[in-house]
PDB file of N, CA and C in Angstrom:
ATOM      1  N   UNK A   1       0.843  -1.180   0.000  1.00  0.00           N
ATOM      2  CA  UNK A   1       0.000   0.000   0.000  1.00  0.00           C
ATOM      3  C   UNK A   1       0.885   1.238   0.000  1.00  0.00           C
ATOM      4  N   UNK A   2       0.417   2.247  -0.637  1.00  0.00           N
ATOM      5  CA  UNK A   2       1.231   3.436  -0.779  1.00  0.00           C
ATOM      6  C   UNK A   2       1.069   4.372   0.408  1.00  0.00           C
ATOM      7  N   UNK A   3       2.017   5.277   0.544  1.00  0.00           N
ATOM      8  CA  UNK A   3       2.042   6.189   1.677  1.00  0.00           C
ATOM      9  C   UNK A   3       0.840   7.128   1.676  1.00  0.00           C
ATOM     10  N   UNK A   4       0.328   7.450   0.513  1.00  0.00           N
ATOM     11  CA  UNK A   4      -0.829   8.333   0.421  1.00  0.00           C
ATOM     12  C   UNK A   4      -2.066   7.690   1.059  1.00  0.00           C
ATOM     13  N   UNK A   5      -2.183   6.373   0.935  1.00  0.00           N
ATOM     14  CA  UNK A   5      -3.310   5.682   1.559  1.00  0.00           C
ATOM     15  C   UNK A   5      -3.237   5.789   3.076  1.00  0.00           C
ATOM     16  N   UNK A   6      -2.039   5.662   3.649  1.00  0.00           N
ATOM     17  CA  UNK A   6      -1.904   5.758   5.094  1.00  0.00           C
ATOM     18  C   UNK A   6      -2.284   7.146   5.594  1.00  0.00           C
ATOM     19  N   UNK A   7      -1.966   8.165   4.829  1.00  0.00           N
ATOM     20  CA  UNK A   7      -2.383   9.522   5.189  1.00  0.00           C
ATOM     21  C   UNK A   7      -3.907   9.632   5.158  1.00  0.00           C
ATOM     22  N   UNK A   8      -4.543   9.066   4.146  1.00  0.00           N
ATOM     23  CA  UNK A   8      -6.005   9.081   4.065  1.00  0.00           C
ATOM     24  C   UNK A   8      -6.623   8.281   5.209  1.00  0.00           C
ATOM     25  N   UNK A   9      -5.978   7.183   5.580  1.00  0.00           N
ATOM     26  CA  UNK A   9      -6.446   6.347   6.687  1.00  0.00           C
ATOM     27  C   UNK A   9      -6.456   7.147   7.994  1.00  0.00           C
ATOM     28  N   UNK A  10      -5.379   7.868   8.240  1.00  0.00           N
ATOM     29  CA  UNK A  10      -5.285   8.680   9.457  1.00  0.00           C
ATOM     30  C   UNK A  10      -6.257   9.849   9.392  1.00  0.00           C
ATOM     31  N   UNK A  11      -6.384  10.471   8.228  1.00  0.00           N
ATOM     32  CA  UNK A  11      -7.316  11.584   8.078  1.00  0.00           C
ATOM     33  C   UNK A  11      -8.752  11.137   8.340  1.00  0.00           C
ATOM     34  N   UNK A  12      -9.132   9.976   7.835  1.00  0.00           N
ATOM     35  CA  UNK A  12     -10.491   9.474   8.061  1.00  0.00           C
ATOM     36  C   UNK A  12     -10.789   9.307   9.539  1.00  0.00           C
ATOM     37  N   UNK A  13      -9.825   8.766  10.264  1.00  0.00           N
ATOM     38  CA  UNK A  13     -10.002   8.579  11.705  1.00  0.00           C
ATOM     39  C   UNK A  13     -10.257   9.911  12.398  1.00  0.00           C
ATOM     40  N   UNK A  14      -9.402  10.891  12.118  1.00  0.00           N
ATOM     41  CA  UNK A  14      -9.497  12.154  12.842  1.00  0.00           C
ATOM     42  C   UNK A  14     -10.645  13.038  12.354  1.00  0.00           C
ATOM     43  N   UNK A  15     -11.039  12.920  11.115  1.00  0.00           N
ATOM     44  CA  UNK A  15     -12.209  13.666  10.649  1.00  0.00           C
ATOM     45  C   UNK A  15     -13.459  13.147  11.344  1.00  0.00           C
ATOM     46  N   UNK A  16     -13.603  11.827  11.431  1.00  0.00           N
ATOM     47  CA  UNK A  16     -14.754  11.255  12.126  1.00  0.00           C
ATOM     48  C   UNK A  16     -14.742  11.635  13.604  1.00  0.00           C
ATOM     49  N   UNK A  17     -13.567  11.586  14.205  1.00  0.00           N
ATOM     50  CA  UNK A  17     -13.434  11.984  15.609  1.00  0.00           C
ATOM     51  C   UNK A  17     -13.838  13.444  15.793  1.00  0.00           C
ATOM     52  N   UNK A  18     -13.397  14.308  14.900  1.00  0.00           N
ATOM     53  CA  UNK A  18     -13.727  15.727  14.988  1.00  0.00           C
ATOM     54  C   UNK A  18     -15.202  16.018  14.783  1.00  0.00           C
ATOM     55  N   UNK A  19     -15.835  15.279  13.882  1.00  0.00           N
ATOM     56  CA  UNK A  19     -17.275  15.480  13.661  1.00  0.00           C
ATOM     57  C   UNK A  19     -18.047  15.110  14.921  1.00  0.00           C
ATOM     58  N   UNK A  20     -17.675  14.008  15.548  1.00  0.00           N
ATOM     59  CA  UNK A  20     -18.378  13.581  16.760  1.00  0.00           C
ATOM     60  C   UNK A  20     -18.136  14.558  17.903  1.00  0.00           C
ATOM     61  N   UNK A  21     -16.875  14.878  18.170  1.00  0.00           N
ATOM     62  CA  UNK A  21     -16.572  15.773  19.289  1.00  0.00           C
ATOM     63  C   UNK A  21     -17.107  17.180  19.052  1.00  0.00           C
ATOM     64  N   UNK A  22     -16.796  17.734  17.894  1.00  0.00           N
ATOM     65  CA  UNK A  22     -17.245  19.093  17.605  1.00  0.00           C
ATOM     66  C   UNK A  22     -18.749  19.209  17.489  1.00  0.00           C
ATOM     67  N   UNK A  23     -19.363  18.255  16.809  1.00  0.00           N
ATOM     68  CA  UNK A  23     -20.814  18.299  16.642  1.00  0.00           C
ATOM     69  C   UNK A  23     -21.567  18.172  17.942  1.00  0.00           C
ATOM     70  N   UNK A  24     -21.107  17.291  18.816  1.00  0.00           N
ATOM     71  CA  UNK A  24     -21.824  17.113  20.073  1.00  0.00           C
ATOM     72  C   UNK A  24     -21.589  18.275  21.035  1.00  0.00           C
ATOM     73  N   UNK A  25     -20.383  18.813  21.050  1.00  0.00           N
ATOM     74  CA  UNK A  25     -20.108  19.946  21.939  1.00  0.00           C
ATOM     75  C   UNK A  25     -20.824  21.199  21.437  1.00  0.00           C
ATOM     76  N   UNK A  26     -20.678  21.505  20.162  1.00  0.00           N
ATOM     77  CA  UNK A  26     -21.330  22.695  19.615  1.00  0.00           C
ATOM     78  C   UNK A  26     -22.851  22.518  19.601  1.00  0.00           C
ATOM     79  N   UNK A  27     -23.308  21.308  19.301  1.00  0.00           N
ATOM     80  CA  UNK A  27     -24.751  21.052  19.295  1.00  0.00           C
ATOM     81  C   UNK A  27     -25.391  21.194  20.659  1.00  0.00           C
ATOM     82  N   UNK A  28     -24.632  20.903  21.710  1.00  0.00           N
ATOM     83  CA  UNK A  28     -25.200  21.021  23.057  1.00  0.00           C
ATOM     84  C   UNK A  28     -25.340  22.476  23.493  1.00  0.00           C
ATOM     85  N   UNK A  29     -24.709  23.398  22.780  1.00  0.00           N
ATOM     86  CA  UNK A  29     -24.890  24.822  23.090  1.00  0.00           C
ATOM     87  C   UNK A  29     -26.350  25.227  22.872  1.00  0.00           C
ATOM     88  N   UNK A  30     -26.995  24.597  21.900  1.00  0.00           N
ATOM     89  CA  UNK A  30     -28.418  24.871  21.679  1.00  0.00           C
ATOM     90  C   UNK A  30     -29.264  24.489  22.875  1.00  0.00           C
ATOM     91  N   UNK A  31     -28.932  23.381  23.515  1.00  0.00           N
ATOM     92  CA  UNK A  31     -29.657  22.999  24.725  1.00  0.00           C
ATOM     93  C   UNK A  31     -29.385  23.978  25.858  1.00  0.00           C
ATOM     94  N   UNK A  32     -28.149  24.441  25.962  1.00  0.00           N
ATOM     95  CA  UNK A  32     -27.815  25.436  26.975  1.00  0.00           C
ATOM     96  C   UNK A  32     -28.596  26.729  26.736  1.00  0.00           C
ATOM     97  N   UNK A  33     -28.715  27.133  25.464  1.00  0.00           N
ATOM     98  CA  UNK A  33     -29.419  28.373  25.129  1.00  0.00           C
ATOM     99  C   UNK A  33     -30.915  28.279  25.415  1.00  0.00           C
ATOM    100  N   UNK A  34     -31.465  27.068  25.349  1.00  0.00           N
ATOM    101  CA  UNK A  34     -32.896  26.897  25.624  1.00  0.00           C
ATOM    102  C   UNK A  34     -33.180  26.515  27.069  1.00  0.00           C
ATOM    103  N   UNK A  35     -32.155  26.504  27.916  1.00  0.00           N
ATOM    104  CA  UNK A  35     -32.351  26.250  29.328  1.00  0.00           C
ATOM    105  C   UNK A  35     -32.335  24.782  29.723  1.00  0.00           C
ATOM    106  N   UNK A  36     -31.905  23.909  28.818  1.00  0.00           N
ATOM    107  CA  UNK A  36     -31.826  22.487  29.139  1.00  0.00           C
ATOM    108  C   UNK A  36     -30.380  22.136  29.498  1.00  0.00           C
ATOM    109  N   UNK A  37     -30.190  20.944  30.037  1.00  0.00           N
ATOM    110  CA  UNK A  37     -28.855  20.515  30.461  1.00  0.00           C
ATOM    111  C   UNK A  37     -28.031  20.091  29.248  1.00  0.00           C
ATOM    112  N   UNK A  38     -26.935  20.791  28.946  1.00  0.00           N
ATOM    113  CA  UNK A  38     -26.154  20.455  27.752  1.00  0.00           C
ATOM    114  C   UNK A  38     -25.394  19.133  27.874  1.00  0.00           C
ATOM    115  N   UNK A  39     -24.946  18.769  29.067  1.00  0.00           N
ATOM    116  CA  UNK A  39     -24.192  17.532  29.209  1.00  0.00           C
ATOM    117  C   UNK A  39     -25.046  16.301  28.950  1.00  0.00           C
ATOM    118  N   UNK A  40     -26.320  16.375  29.303  1.00  0.00           N
ATOM    119  CA  UNK A  40     -27.179  15.210  29.067  1.00  0.00           C
ATOM    120  C   UNK A  40     -27.489  15.025  27.581  1.00  0.00           C
ATOM    121  N   UNK A  41     -27.398  16.084  26.812  1.00  0.00           N
ATOM    122  CA  UNK A  41     -27.705  15.970  25.383  1.00  0.00           C
ATOM    123  C   UNK A  41     -26.477  15.622  24.537  1.00  0.00           C
ATOM    124  N   UNK A  42     -25.290  15.756  25.088  1.00  0.00           N
ATOM    125  CA  UNK A  42     -24.079  15.511  24.297  1.00  0.00           C
ATOM    126  C   UNK A  42     -24.007  14.068  23.811  1.00  0.00           C
ATOM    127  N   UNK A  43     -24.330  13.119  24.659  1.00  0.00           N
ATOM    128  CA  UNK A  43     -24.289  11.708  24.254  1.00  0.00           C
ATOM    129  C   UNK A  43     -25.354  11.416  23.212  1.00  0.00           C
ATOM    130  N   UNK A  44     -26.517  11.991  23.399  1.00  0.00           N
ATOM    131  CA  UNK A  44     -27.613  11.795  22.432  1.00  0.00           C
ATOM    132  C   UNK A  44     -27.239  12.368  21.069  1.00  0.00           C
ATOM    133  N   UNK A  45     -26.644  13.531  21.040  1.00  0.00           N
ATOM    134  CA  UNK A  45     -26.232  14.152  19.786  1.00  0.00           C
ATOM    135  C   UNK A  45     -25.122  13.333  19.131  1.00  0.00           C
ATOM    136  N   UNK A  46     -24.169  12.857  19.929  1.00  0.00           N
ATOM    137  CA  UNK A  46     -23.070  12.049  19.391  1.00  0.00           C
ATOM    138  C   UNK A  46     -23.609  10.769  18.753  1.00  0.00           C
ATOM    139  N   UNK A  47     -24.610  10.153  19.364  1.00  0.00           N
ATOM    140  CA  UNK A  47     -25.206   8.943  18.784  1.00  0.00           C
ATOM    141  C   UNK A  47     -25.881   9.238  17.446  1.00  0.00           C
ATOM    142  N   UNK A  48     -26.506  10.394  17.349  1.00  0.00           N
ATOM    143  CA  UNK A  48     -27.175  10.769  16.097  1.00  0.00           C
ATOM    144  C   UNK A  48     -26.188  11.091  14.976  1.00  0.00           C
ATOM    145  N   UNK A  49     -24.990  11.509  15.345  1.00  0.00           N
ATOM    146  CA  UNK A  49     -23.987  11.906  14.355  1.00  0.00           C
ATOM    147  C   UNK A  49     -23.131  10.751  13.850  1.00  0.00           C
ATOM    148  N   UNK A  50     -23.325   9.548  14.352  1.00  0.00           N
ATOM    149  CA  UNK A  50     -22.468   8.411  13.997  1.00  0.00           C
ATOM    150  C   UNK A  50     -22.315   8.243  12.485  1.00  0.00           C
ATOM    151  N   UNK A  51     -23.405   8.030  11.798  1.00  0.00           N
ATOM    152  CA  UNK A  51     -23.342   7.727  10.363  1.00  0.00           C
ATOM    153  C   UNK A  51     -22.843   8.927   9.567  1.00  0.00           C
ATOM    154  N   UNK A  52     -23.187  10.136  10.013  1.00  0.00           N
ATOM    155  CA  UNK A  52     -22.770  11.331   9.299  1.00  0.00           C
ATOM    156  C   UNK A  52     -21.274  11.564   9.452  1.00  0.00           C
ATOM    157  N   UNK A  53     -20.722  11.186  10.584  1.00  0.00           N
ATOM    158  CA  UNK A  53     -19.273  11.306  10.774  1.00  0.00           C
ATOM    159  C   UNK A  53     -18.533  10.356   9.843  1.00  0.00           C
ATOM    160  N   UNK A  54     -19.062   9.155   9.679  1.00  0.00           N
ATOM    161  CA  UNK A  54     -18.428   8.191   8.771  1.00  0.00           C
ATOM    162  C   UNK A  54     -18.504   8.679   7.335  1.00  0.00           C
ATOM    163  N   UNK A  55     -19.674   9.186   6.938  1.00  0.00           N
ATOM    164  CA  UNK A  55     -19.847   9.689   5.569  1.00  0.00           C
ATOM    165  C   UNK A  55     -18.930  10.885   5.319  1.00  0.00           C
ATOM    166  N   UNK A  56     -18.833  11.786   6.286  1.00  0.00           N
ATOM    167  CA  UNK A  56     -17.955  12.948   6.123  1.00  0.00           C
ATOM    168  C   UNK A  56     -16.492  12.522   6.045  1.00  0.00           C
ATOM    169  N   UNK A  57     -16.120  11.528   6.813  1.00  0.00           N
ATOM    170  CA  UNK A  57     -14.726  11.101   6.856  1.00  0.00           C
ATOM    171  C   UNK A  57     -14.282  10.430   5.564  1.00  0.00           C
ATOM    172  N   UNK A  58     -15.167   9.665   4.935  1.00  0.00           N
ATOM    173  CA  UNK A  58     -14.758   8.981   3.705  1.00  0.00           C
ATOM    174  C   UNK A  58     -14.962   9.847   2.477  1.00  0.00           C
ATOM    175  N   UNK A  59     -15.389  11.076   2.668  1.00  0.00           N
ATOM    176  CA  UNK A  59     -15.468  12.022   1.571  1.00  0.00           C
ATOM    177  C   UNK A  59     -16.768  11.994   0.794  1.00  0.00           C
ATOM    178  N   UNK A  60     -17.821  11.595   1.396  1.00  0.00           N
ATOM    179  CA  UNK A  60     -19.109  11.566   0.713  1.00  0.00           C
ATOM    180  C   UNK A  60     -19.437  10.168   0.227  1.00  0.00           C
ATOM    181  N   UNK A  61     -20.683   9.950  -0.080  1.00  0.00           N
ATOM    182  CA  UNK A  61     -21.129   8.601  -0.412  1.00  0.00           C
ATOM    183  C   UNK A  61     -20.839   8.211  -1.856  1.00  0.00           C
ATOM    184  N   UNK A  62     -20.809   9.154  -2.778  1.00  0.00           N
ATOM    185  CA  UNK A  62     -20.676   8.801  -4.191  1.00  0.00           C
ATOM    186  C   UNK A  62     -19.291   8.245  -4.525  1.00  0.00           C
ATOM    187  N   UNK A  63     -18.261   8.841  -3.967  1.00  0.00           N
ATOM    188  CA  UNK A  63     -16.911   8.307  -4.198  1.00  0.00           C
ATOM    189  C   UNK A  63     -16.760   6.920  -3.599  1.00  0.00           C
ATOM    190  N   UNK A  64     -17.302   6.742  -2.415  1.00  0.00           N
ATOM    191  CA  UNK A  64     -17.200   5.437  -1.765  1.00  0.00           C
ATOM    192  C   UNK A  64     -17.963   4.375  -2.552  1.00  0.00           C
ATOM    193  N   UNK A  65     -19.135   4.719  -3.030  1.00  0.00           N
ATOM    194  CA  UNK A  65     -19.933   3.764  -3.811  1.00  0.00           C
ATOM    195  C   UNK A  65     -19.231   3.454  -5.130  1.00  0.00           C
ATOM    196  N   UNK A  66     -18.639   4.442  -5.764  1.00  0.00           N
ATOM    197  CA  UNK A  66     -17.918   4.208  -7.019  1.00  0.00           C
ATOM    198  C   UNK A  66     -16.721   3.283  -6.794  1.00  0.00           C
ATOM    199  N   UNK A  67     -16.004   3.463  -5.681  1.00  0.00           N
ATOM    200  CA  UNK A  67     -14.864   2.593  -5.386  1.00  0.00           C
ATOM    201  C   UNK A  67     -15.314   1.164  -5.092  1.00  0.00           C
ATOM    202  N   UNK A  68     -16.409   1.026  -4.357  1.00  0.00           N
ATOM    203  CA  UNK A  68     -16.929  -0.312  -4.068  1.00  0.00           C
ATOM    204  C   UNK A  68     -17.416  -0.967  -5.357  1.00  0.00           C
ATOM    205  N   UNK A  69     -18.091  -0.197  -6.205  1.00  0.00           N
ATOM    206  CA  UNK A  69     -18.570  -0.730  -7.478  1.00  0.00           C
ATOM    207  C   UNK A  69     -17.399  -1.185  -8.355  1.00  0.00           C
ATOM    208  N   UNK A  70     -16.348  -0.362  -8.399  1.00  0.00           N
ATOM    209  CA  UNK A  70     -15.176  -0.715  -9.178  1.00  0.00           C
ATOM    210  C   UNK A  70     -14.532  -1.991  -8.628  1.00  0.00           C
ATOM    211  N   UNK A  71     -14.543  -2.127  -7.314  1.00  0.00           N
ATOM    212  CA  UNK A  71     -13.962  -3.311  -6.699  1.00  0.00           C
ATOM    213  C   UNK A  71     -14.769  -4.565  -6.965  1.00  0.00           C
ATOM    214  N   UNK A  72     -16.084  -4.444  -6.978  1.00  0.00           N
ATOM    215  CA  UNK A  72     -16.939  -5.612  -7.187  1.00  0.00           C
ATOM    216  C   UNK A  72     -17.108  -5.972  -8.650  1.00  0.00           C
ATOM    217  N   UNK A  73     -17.385  -4.975  -9.487  1.00  0.00           N
ATOM    218  CA  UNK A  73     -17.716  -5.258 -10.881  1.00  0.00           C
ATOM    219  C   UNK A  73     -16.495  -5.360 -11.796  1.00  0.00           C
ATOM    220  N   UNK A  74     -15.487  -4.563 -11.524  1.00  0.00           N
ATOM    221  CA  UNK A  74     -14.308  -4.570 -12.384  1.00  0.00           C
ATOM    222  C   UNK A  74     -13.207  -5.493 -11.873  1.00  0.00           C
ATOM    223  N   UNK A  75     -13.430  -6.097 -10.734  1.00  0.00           N
ATOM    224  CA  UNK A  75     -12.448  -7.024 -10.197  1.00  0.00           C
ATOM    225  C   UNK A  75     -11.253  -6.367  -9.547  1.00  0.00           C
ATOM    226  N   UNK A  76     -11.369  -5.099  -9.246  1.00  0.00           N
ATOM    227  CA  UNK A  76     -10.276  -4.375  -8.594  1.00  0.00           C
ATOM    228  C   UNK A  76     -10.436  -4.516  -7.080  1.00  0.00           C
ATOM    229  N   UNK A  77      -9.997  -5.635  -6.556  1.00  0.00           N
ATOM    230  CA  UNK A  77     -10.182  -5.900  -5.132  1.00  0.00           C
ATOM    231  C   UNK A  77      -9.322  -4.988  -4.257  1.00  0.00           C
ATOM    232  N   UNK A  78      -8.231  -4.479  -4.783  1.00  0.00           N
ATOM    233  CA  UNK A  78      -7.384  -3.576  -4.010  1.00  0.00           C
ATOM    234  C   UNK A  78      -8.141  -2.304  -3.649  1.00  0.00           C
ATOM    235  N   UNK A  79      -8.928  -1.744  -4.602  1.00  0.00           N
ATOM    236  CA  UNK A  79      -9.734  -0.559  -4.314  1.00  0.00           C
ATOM    237  C   UNK A  79     -10.814  -0.867  -3.291  1.00  0.00           C
ATOM    238  N   UNK A  80     -11.385  -2.043  -3.384  1.00  0.00           N
ATOM    239  CA  UNK A  80     -12.418  -2.452  -2.438  1.00  0.00           C
ATOM    240  C   UNK A  80     -11.833  -2.583  -1.028  1.00  0.00           C
ATOM    241  N   UNK A  81     -10.674  -3.195  -0.910  1.00  0.00           N
ATOM    242  CA  UNK A  81     -10.030  -3.361   0.396  1.00  0.00           C
ATOM    243  C   UNK A  81      -9.656  -2.001   0.980  1.00  0.00           C
ATOM    244  N   UNK A  82      -9.131  -1.110   0.148  1.00  0.00           N
ATOM    245  CA  UNK A  82      -8.788   0.230   0.632  1.00  0.00           C
ATOM    246  C   UNK A  82     -10.014   0.967   1.148  1.00  0.00           C
ATOM    247  N   UNK A  83     -11.135   0.856   0.426  1.00  0.00           N
ATOM    248  CA  UNK A  83     -12.351   1.548   0.843  1.00  0.00           C
ATOM    249  C   UNK A  83     -12.885   0.972   2.152  1.00  0.00           C
ATOM    250  N   UNK A  84     -12.834  -0.336   2.292  1.00  0.00           N
ATOM    251  CA  UNK A  84     -13.290  -0.960   3.537  1.00  0.00           C
ATOM    252  C   UNK A  84     -12.405  -0.530   4.707  1.00  0.00           C
ATOM    253  N   UNK A  85     -11.096  -0.445   4.482  1.00  0.00           N
ATOM    254  CA  UNK A  85     -10.195  -0.001   5.543  1.00  0.00           C
ATOM    255  C   UNK A  85     -10.439   1.456   5.926  1.00  0.00           C
ATOM    256  N   UNK A  86     -10.772   2.293   4.959  1.00  0.00           N
ATOM    257  CA  UNK A  86     -11.091   3.693   5.270  1.00  0.00           C
ATOM    258  C   UNK A  86     -12.368   3.787   6.097  1.00  0.00           C
ATOM    259  N   UNK A  87     -13.351   2.962   5.770  1.00  0.00           N
ATOM    260  CA  UNK A  87     -14.598   2.959   6.538  1.00  0.00           C
ATOM    261  C   UNK A  87     -14.335   2.457   7.957  1.00  0.00           C
ATOM    262  N   UNK A  88     -13.512   1.437   8.104  1.00  0.00           N
ATOM    263  CA  UNK A  88     -13.173   0.931   9.437  1.00  0.00           C
ATOM    264  C   UNK A  88     -12.423   1.995  10.240  1.00  0.00           C
ATOM    265  N   UNK A  89     -11.541   2.738   9.588  1.00  0.00           N
ATOM    266  CA  UNK A  89     -10.828   3.821  10.260  1.00  0.00           C
ATOM    267  C   UNK A  89     -11.811   4.884  10.752  1.00  0.00           C
ATOM    268  N   UNK A  90     -12.760   5.250   9.907  1.00  0.00           N
ATOM    269  CA  UNK A  90     -13.762   6.242  10.305  1.00  0.00           C
ATOM    270  C   UNK A  90     -14.618   5.719  11.456  1.00  0.00           C
ATOM    271  N   UNK A  91     -14.961   4.430  11.424  1.00  0.00           N
ATOM    272  CA  UNK A  91     -15.741   3.850  12.511  1.00  0.00           C
ATOM    273  C   UNK A  91     -14.945   3.865  13.817  1.00  0.00           C
ATOM    274  N   UNK A  92     -13.628   3.668  13.714  1.00  0.00           N
ATOM    275  CA  UNK A  92     -12.784   3.766  14.901  1.00  0.00           C
ATOM    276  C   UNK A  92     -12.773   5.174  15.474  1.00  0.00           C
ATOM    277  N   UNK A  93     -12.716   6.173  14.602  1.00  0.00           N
ATOM    278  CA  UNK A  93     -12.778   7.564  15.058  1.00  0.00           C
ATOM    279  C   UNK A  93     -14.095   7.889  15.729  1.00  0.00           C
ATOM    280  N   UNK A  94     -15.183   7.347  15.190  1.00  0.00           N
ATOM    281  CA  UNK A  94     -16.508   7.546  15.796  1.00  0.00           C
ATOM    282  C   UNK A  94     -16.539   6.915  17.184  1.00  0.00           C
ATOM    283  N   UNK A  95     -16.034   5.699  17.301  1.00  0.00           N
ATOM    284  CA  UNK A  95     -16.050   4.994  18.590  1.00  0.00           C
ATOM    285  C   UNK A  95     -15.223   5.735  19.627  1.00  0.00           C
ATOM    286  N   UNK A  96     -14.049   6.207  19.234  1.00  0.00           N
ATOM    287  CA  UNK A  96     -13.209   6.960  20.168  1.00  0.00           C
ATOM    288  C   UNK A  96     -13.899   8.258  20.575  1.00  0.00           C
ATOM    289  N   UNK A  97     -14.523   8.944  19.625  1.00  0.00           N
ATOM    290  CA  UNK A  97     -15.235  10.178  19.931  1.00  0.00           C
ATOM    291  C   UNK A  97     -16.381   9.966  20.894  1.00  0.00           C
ATOM    292  N   UNK A  98     -17.168   8.929  20.670  1.00  0.00           N
ATOM    293  CA  UNK A  98     -18.296   8.652  21.561  1.00  0.00           C
ATOM    294  C   UNK A  98     -17.795   8.230  22.937  1.00  0.00           C
ATOM    295  N   UNK A  99     -16.696   7.493  22.986  1.00  0.00           N
ATOM    296  CA  UNK A  99     -16.121   7.109  24.276  1.00  0.00           C
ATOM    297  C   UNK A  99     -15.642   8.338  25.044  1.00  0.00           C
ATOM    298  N   UNK A 100     -15.033   9.282  24.352  1.00  0.00           N
ATOM    299  CA  UNK A 100     -14.591  10.519  25.012  1.00  0.00           C
ATOM    300  C   UNK A 100     -15.784  11.314  25.524  1.00  0.00           C
ATOM    301  N   UNK A 101     -16.839  11.417  24.721  1.00  0.00           N
ATOM    302  CA  UNK A 101     -18.040  12.144  25.151  1.00  0.00           C
ATOM    303  C   UNK A 101     -18.664  11.455  26.362  1.00  0.00           C
ATOM    304  N   UNK A 102     -18.752  10.132  26.332  1.00  0.00           N
ATOM    305  CA  UNK A 102     -19.298   9.411  27.488  1.00  0.00           C
ATOM    306  C   UNK A 102     -18.413   9.593  28.710  1.00  0.00           C
ATOM    307  N   UNK A 103     -17.111   9.631  28.502  1.00  0.00           N
ATOM    308  CA  UNK A 103     -16.196   9.852  29.609  1.00  0.00           C
ATOM    309  C   UNK A 103     -16.375  11.252  30.186  1.00  0.00           C
ATOM    310  N   UNK A 104     -16.508  12.253  29.326  1.00  0.00           N
ATOM    311  CA  UNK A 104     -16.690  13.629  29.789  1.00  0.00           C
ATOM    312  C   UNK A 104     -18.016  13.828  30.516  1.00  0.00           C
ATOM    313  N   UNK A 105     -19.059  13.166  30.044  1.00  0.00           N
ATOM    314  CA  UNK A 105     -20.378  13.327  30.648  1.00  0.00           C
ATOM    315  C   UNK A 105     -20.651  12.281  31.721  1.00  0.00           C
ATOM    316  N   UNK A 106     -19.709  11.359  31.920  1.00  0.00           N
ATOM    317  CA  UNK A 106     -19.797  10.296  32.916  1.00  0.00           C
ATOM    318  C   UNK A 106     -20.987   9.365  32.684  1.00  0.00           C
ATOM    319  N   UNK A 107     -21.400   9.219  31.431  1.00  0.00           N
ATOM    320  CA  UNK A 107     -22.502   8.312  31.104  1.00  0.00           C
ATOM    321  C   UNK A 107     -22.025   6.876  30.936  1.00  0.00           C
ATOM    322  N   UNK A 108     -20.783   6.685  30.522  1.00  0.00           N
ATOM    323  CA  UNK A 108     -20.278   5.350  30.281  1.00  0.00           C
ATOM    324  C   UNK A 108     -19.779   4.659  31.548  1.00  0.00           C
ATOM    325  N   UNK A 109     -19.743   5.389  32.649  1.00  0.00           N
ATOM    326  CA  UNK A 109     -19.238   4.810  33.897  1.00  0.00           C
ATOM    327  C   UNK A 109     -20.341   4.002  34.574  1.00  0.00           C
ATOM    328  N   UNK A 110     -20.022   2.813  34.977  1.00  0.00           N
ATOM    329  CA  UNK A 110     -21.019   1.976  35.672  1.00  0.00           C
ATOM    330  C   UNK A 110     -20.534   1.603  37.045  1.00  0.00           C
TER     331      UNK A 110
END
């Protein structure tokens, strides 16, 4: 695998992480402005942003679908494997982001 792929792999992780952290923190300001508890809404907002963080991290759905299609129909399994690894990287960023939000709001502690 080329070095450019590893950069994209790392970027996907941190873009997904940033969408979860930034979206839930900034989104909870709306609850604060309306007089509700912002910490209780951060986990709920982070859960809602899961799929959108993955889509944002892999660069939109059309490129990902085109790469998967090329991998399945044209027999280019290398493109398919790269796309799956990018999605897994984004899912890892989402998981880390949600874990941090749960840690900050103390919801994940039992």
